[in-house]
């Protein structure tokens, strides 16, 4: 839905077309997006038009970027650990009484 909304303002009916779900289901999804500040809807007569709220996407993009940096560091450390040569346990010397 977000992809479809990012093109241009669109009616709820147009938004529902490619998804094969009811208008009521689309409205429920839109309500969640509105509550999160990701979308905005306006009603003109009997037609409800929706659009994306680009400013709130910046907040989401920053949140993702922050987590991406953290995970890149963690994965880099994992890569370093995996690249280290495998250490074999030191062989136990044969006990003197067996010698």
N, C-alpha and C. Protein backbone atom coordinates (compact mmCIF):
# COMPACT_ATOMS: atom_id res chain seq x y z
N UNK A 1 0.81 -1.19 0.00
CA UNK A 1 0.00 0.00 0.00
C UNK A 1 0.86 1.26 0.00
N UNK A 2 1.93 1.20 0.79
CA UNK A 2 2.80 2.38 0.85
C UNK A 2 3.40 2.66 -0.52
N UNK A 3 3.76 1.63 -1.24
CA UNK A 3 4.31 1.81 -2.58
C UNK A 3 3.29 2.49 -3.48
N UNK A 4 2.05 2.03 -3.42
CA UNK A 4 0.98 2.61 -4.23
C UNK A 4 0.72 4.05 -3.82
N UNK A 5 0.73 4.32 -2.53
CA UNK A 5 0.50 5.69 -2.04
C UNK A 5 1.64 6.63 -2.42
N UNK A 6 2.83 6.09 -2.60
CA UNK A 6 3.98 6.96 -2.88
C UNK A 6 3.94 7.53 -4.29
N UNK A 7 3.16 6.93 -5.19
CA UNK A 7 3.07 7.44 -6.56
C UNK A 7 2.41 8.81 -6.61
N UNK A 8 1.21 8.90 -6.04
CA UNK A 8 0.44 10.14 -6.04
C UNK A 8 -0.79 9.93 -5.17
N UNK A 9 -1.50 10.99 -4.81
CA UNK A 9 -2.74 10.80 -4.06
C UNK A 9 -3.67 9.86 -4.84
N UNK A 10 -4.38 9.02 -4.12
CA UNK A 10 -5.19 7.98 -4.74
C UNK A 10 -6.45 7.76 -3.92
N UNK A 11 -7.52 7.35 -4.57
CA UNK A 11 -8.75 7.08 -3.83
C UNK A 11 -8.64 5.71 -3.17
N UNK A 12 -9.46 5.50 -2.16
CA UNK A 12 -9.47 4.22 -1.45
C UNK A 12 -9.82 3.09 -2.42
N UNK A 13 -10.78 3.34 -3.32
CA UNK A 13 -11.17 2.32 -4.31
C UNK A 13 -9.99 1.95 -5.21
N UNK A 14 -9.26 2.94 -5.68
CA UNK A 14 -8.11 2.68 -6.54
C UNK A 14 -7.02 1.93 -5.76
N UNK A 15 -6.88 2.28 -4.50
CA UNK A 15 -5.88 1.63 -3.66
C UNK A 15 -6.22 0.16 -3.44
N UNK A 16 -7.50 -0.15 -3.32
CA UNK A 16 -7.93 -1.52 -3.04
C UNK A 16 -7.81 -2.43 -4.26
N UNK A 17 -7.90 -1.89 -5.47
CA UNK A 17 -7.95 -2.70 -6.69
C UNK A 17 -6.89 -3.80 -6.78
N UNK A 18 -5.60 -3.48 -6.68
CA UNK A 18 -4.60 -4.53 -6.91
C UNK A 18 -4.49 -5.55 -5.77
N UNK A 19 -5.09 -5.28 -4.63
CA UNK A 19 -4.91 -6.15 -3.48
C UNK A 19 -5.99 -7.22 -3.35
N UNK A 20 -7.10 -7.05 -4.00
CA UNK A 20 -8.16 -8.04 -3.92
C UNK A 20 -8.74 -8.18 -2.52
N UNK A 21 -8.79 -7.07 -1.79
CA UNK A 21 -9.41 -7.09 -0.47
C UNK A 21 -10.54 -6.08 -0.45
N UNK A 22 -11.38 -6.17 0.56
CA UNK A 22 -12.55 -5.30 0.63
C UNK A 22 -12.13 -3.87 0.93
N UNK A 23 -13.04 -2.95 0.61
CA UNK A 23 -12.79 -1.54 0.94
C UNK A 23 -12.67 -1.35 2.45
N UNK A 24 -13.46 -2.12 3.20
CA UNK A 24 -13.40 -2.02 4.66
C UNK A 24 -12.01 -2.41 5.16
N UNK A 25 -11.42 -3.43 4.57
CA UNK A 25 -10.08 -3.86 4.98
C UNK A 25 -9.05 -2.78 4.63
N UNK A 26 -9.19 -2.17 3.46
CA UNK A 26 -8.27 -1.11 3.06
C UNK A 26 -8.40 0.07 4.02
N UNK A 27 -9.62 0.42 4.39
CA UNK A 27 -9.84 1.52 5.33
C UNK A 27 -9.19 1.22 6.67
N UNK A 28 -9.28 -0.04 7.13
CA UNK A 28 -8.63 -0.41 8.39
C UNK A 28 -7.12 -0.24 8.29
N UNK A 29 -6.54 -0.67 7.18
CA UNK A 29 -5.10 -0.50 6.99
C UNK A 29 -4.73 0.99 6.96
N UNK A 30 -5.53 1.77 6.27
CA UNK A 30 -5.28 3.21 6.20
C UNK A 30 -5.37 3.86 7.57
N UNK A 31 -6.30 3.41 8.39
CA UNK A 31 -6.42 3.97 9.74
C UNK A 31 -5.14 3.74 10.54
N UNK A 32 -4.57 2.56 10.40
CA UNK A 32 -3.30 2.26 11.08
C UNK A 32 -2.20 3.17 10.55
N UNK A 33 -2.13 3.32 9.24
CA UNK A 33 -1.11 4.19 8.64
C UNK A 33 -1.29 5.64 9.08
N UNK A 34 -2.55 6.07 9.21
CA UNK A 34 -2.81 7.44 9.68
C UNK A 34 -2.40 7.60 11.14
N UNK A 35 -2.71 6.61 11.98
CA UNK A 35 -2.35 6.67 13.39
C UNK A 35 -0.83 6.74 13.57
N UNK A 36 -0.11 6.11 12.66
CA UNK A 36 1.36 6.13 12.70
C UNK A 36 1.92 7.39 12.06
N UNK A 37 1.07 8.17 11.42
CA UNK A 37 1.53 9.39 10.77
C UNK A 37 2.14 9.15 9.39
N UNK A 38 1.96 7.95 8.84
CA UNK A 38 2.55 7.63 7.54
C UNK A 38 1.66 8.01 6.37
N UNK A 39 0.37 8.16 6.63
CA UNK A 39 -0.57 8.50 5.55
C UNK A 39 -1.59 9.51 6.07
N UNK A 40 -2.24 10.16 5.11
CA UNK A 40 -3.29 11.14 5.44
C UNK A 40 -4.43 10.89 4.46
N UNK A 41 -5.65 10.95 4.96
CA UNK A 41 -6.80 10.82 4.07
C UNK A 41 -7.67 12.06 4.19
N UNK A 42 -8.34 12.37 3.08
CA UNK A 42 -9.28 13.49 3.04
C UNK A 42 -10.55 13.00 2.36
N UNK A 43 -11.67 13.46 2.86
CA UNK A 43 -12.93 13.07 2.25
C UNK A 43 -13.53 14.28 1.53
N UNK A 44 -13.79 14.08 0.24
CA UNK A 44 -14.44 15.10 -0.59
C UNK A 44 -15.73 14.47 -1.11
N UNK A 45 -16.83 14.86 -0.50
CA UNK A 45 -18.10 14.24 -0.87
C UNK A 45 -18.09 12.79 -0.47
N UNK A 46 -18.28 11.89 -1.44
CA UNK A 46 -18.29 10.45 -1.15
C UNK A 46 -16.94 9.79 -1.43
N UNK A 47 -15.98 10.58 -1.87
CA UNK A 47 -14.69 10.02 -2.26
C UNK A 47 -13.64 10.35 -1.20
N UNK A 48 -12.96 9.30 -0.74
CA UNK A 48 -11.86 9.47 0.22
C UNK A 48 -10.55 9.29 -0.53
N UNK A 49 -9.70 10.32 -0.44
CA UNK A 49 -8.40 10.31 -1.11
C UNK A 49 -7.30 10.16 -0.06
N UNK A 50 -6.31 9.37 -0.38
CA UNK A 50 -5.20 9.15 0.55
C UNK A 50 -3.89 9.58 -0.08
N UNK A 51 -2.99 9.95 0.78
CA UNK A 51 -1.65 10.30 0.32
C UNK A 51 -0.66 9.94 1.40
N UNK A 52 0.56 9.80 0.99
CA UNK A 52 1.64 9.47 1.92
C UNK A 52 2.10 10.74 2.62
N UNK A 53 2.60 10.62 3.82
CA UNK A 53 3.17 11.73 4.57
C UNK A 53 4.69 11.57 4.57
N UNK A 54 5.38 12.20 3.62
CA UNK A 54 6.82 11.98 3.48
C UNK A 54 7.65 12.33 4.72
N UNK A 55 7.24 13.32 5.48
CA UNK A 55 8.02 13.74 6.65
C UNK A 55 8.15 12.60 7.66
N UNK A 56 7.08 11.85 7.85
CA UNK A 56 7.14 10.76 8.82
C UNK A 56 8.01 9.61 8.32
N UNK A 57 8.18 9.52 7.02
CA UNK A 57 9.07 8.48 6.48
C UNK A 57 10.52 8.76 6.85
N UNK A 58 10.85 10.03 7.04
CA UNK A 58 12.22 10.39 7.45
C UNK A 58 12.52 9.82 8.84
N UNK A 59 11.53 9.85 9.71
CA UNK A 59 11.71 9.29 11.05
C UNK A 59 11.97 7.79 10.94
N UNK A 60 11.17 7.11 10.11
CA UNK A 60 11.35 5.67 9.91
C UNK A 60 12.70 5.38 9.27
N UNK A 61 13.10 6.19 8.30
CA UNK A 61 14.39 6.00 7.62
C UNK A 61 15.54 6.15 8.60
N UNK A 62 15.46 7.12 9.50
CA UNK A 62 16.51 7.32 10.50
C UNK A 62 16.58 6.15 11.46
N UNK A 63 15.41 5.65 11.88
CA UNK A 63 15.35 4.49 12.78
C UNK A 63 16.01 3.28 12.12
N UNK A 64 15.71 3.06 10.86
CA UNK A 64 16.30 1.94 10.11
C UNK A 64 17.80 2.13 9.97
N UNK A 65 18.23 3.34 9.64
CA UNK A 65 19.66 3.63 9.48
C UNK A 65 20.42 3.38 10.77
N UNK A 66 19.84 3.77 11.90
CA UNK A 66 20.49 3.55 13.19
C UNK A 66 20.69 2.06 13.45
N UNK A 67 19.67 1.28 13.18
CA UNK A 67 19.76 -0.16 13.40
C UNK A 67 20.69 -0.82 12.38
N UNK A 68 20.70 -0.30 11.17
CA UNK A 68 21.56 -0.85 10.13
C UNK A 68 23.02 -0.72 10.53
N UNK A 69 23.39 0.44 11.05
CA UNK A 69 24.78 0.65 11.49
C UNK A 69 25.16 -0.33 12.59
N UNK A 70 24.28 -0.51 13.55
CA UNK A 70 24.54 -1.43 14.64
C UNK A 70 24.73 -2.86 14.12
N UNK A 71 23.84 -3.29 13.24
CA UNK A 71 23.94 -4.65 12.72
C UNK A 71 25.14 -4.82 11.80
N UNK A 72 25.52 -3.79 11.08
CA UNK A 72 26.72 -3.89 10.24
C UNK A 72 27.95 -4.10 11.11
N UNK A 73 28.03 -3.39 12.23
CA UNK A 73 29.16 -3.58 13.16
C UNK A 73 29.17 -5.00 13.70
N UNK A 74 28.01 -5.48 14.11
CA UNK A 74 27.93 -6.84 14.66
C UNK A 74 28.31 -7.87 13.61
N UNK A 75 27.83 -7.70 12.39
CA UNK A 75 28.15 -8.66 11.34
C UNK A 75 29.62 -8.58 10.93
N UNK A 76 30.20 -7.38 10.96
CA UNK A 76 31.63 -7.26 10.69
C UNK A 76 32.45 -8.04 11.72
N UNK A 77 32.07 -7.90 12.99
CA UNK A 77 32.78 -8.63 14.06
C UNK A 77 32.61 -10.14 13.87
N UNK A 78 31.42 -10.56 13.51
CA UNK A 78 31.19 -11.98 13.26
C UNK A 78 32.05 -12.46 12.10
N UNK A 79 32.13 -11.66 11.04
CA UNK A 79 32.96 -12.01 9.90
C UNK A 79 34.42 -12.15 10.29
N UNK A 80 34.90 -11.25 11.14
CA UNK A 80 36.28 -11.34 11.61
C UNK A 80 36.51 -12.63 12.41
N UNK A 81 35.56 -12.96 13.26
CA UNK A 81 35.69 -14.18 14.05
C UNK A 81 35.71 -15.42 13.15
N UNK A 82 34.85 -15.42 12.16
CA UNK A 82 34.77 -16.57 11.27
C UNK A 82 35.99 -16.66 10.36
N UNK A 83 36.65 -15.55 10.10
CA UNK A 83 37.82 -15.55 9.23
C UNK A 83 39.08 -16.00 9.95
N UNK A 84 39.06 -15.98 11.28
CA UNK A 84 40.24 -16.42 12.04
C UNK A 84 40.45 -17.91 11.80
N UNK A 85 41.73 -18.32 11.72
CA UNK A 85 41.98 -19.75 11.55
C UNK A 85 41.46 -20.52 12.75
N UNK A 86 40.97 -21.69 12.45
CA UNK A 86 40.40 -22.52 13.51
C UNK A 86 41.52 -23.04 14.39
N UNK A 87 41.36 -22.90 15.68
CA UNK A 87 42.38 -23.37 16.61
C UNK A 87 42.01 -24.77 17.06
N UNK A 88 42.97 -25.68 16.96
CA UNK A 88 42.72 -27.04 17.43
C UNK A 88 43.14 -27.12 18.88
N UNK A 89 42.42 -27.89 19.66
CA UNK A 89 42.79 -27.99 21.07
C UNK A 89 44.19 -28.61 21.19
N UNK A 90 44.96 -28.12 22.14
CA UNK A 90 46.31 -28.65 22.34
C UNK A 90 46.21 -30.12 22.68
N UNK A 91 47.06 -30.90 22.04
CA UNK A 91 47.04 -32.34 22.32
C UNK A 91 47.58 -32.57 23.73
N UNK A 92 46.90 -33.42 24.44
CA UNK A 92 47.36 -33.78 25.77
C UNK A 92 48.60 -34.66 25.65
N UNK A 93 49.64 -34.32 26.39
CA UNK A 93 50.82 -35.19 26.34
C UNK A 93 50.49 -36.56 26.94
N UNK A 94 51.18 -37.53 26.46
CA UNK A 94 50.96 -38.89 26.95
C UNK A 94 51.42 -38.97 28.40
N UNK A 95 50.60 -39.53 29.26
CA UNK A 95 51.03 -39.63 30.67
C UNK A 95 52.33 -40.43 30.78
N UNK A 96 53.15 -40.02 31.76
CA UNK A 96 54.45 -40.64 31.93
C UNK A 96 54.35 -42.14 32.19
N UNK A 97 53.35 -42.56 32.91
CA UNK A 97 53.24 -43.99 33.27
C UNK A 97 52.95 -44.85 32.04
N UNK A 98 52.48 -44.21 30.90
CA UNK A 98 52.26 -45.00 29.70
C UNK A 98 53.55 -45.12 28.88
N UNK A 99 54.47 -44.23 29.11
CA UNK A 99 55.67 -44.12 28.31
C UNK A 99 56.63 -45.19 28.48
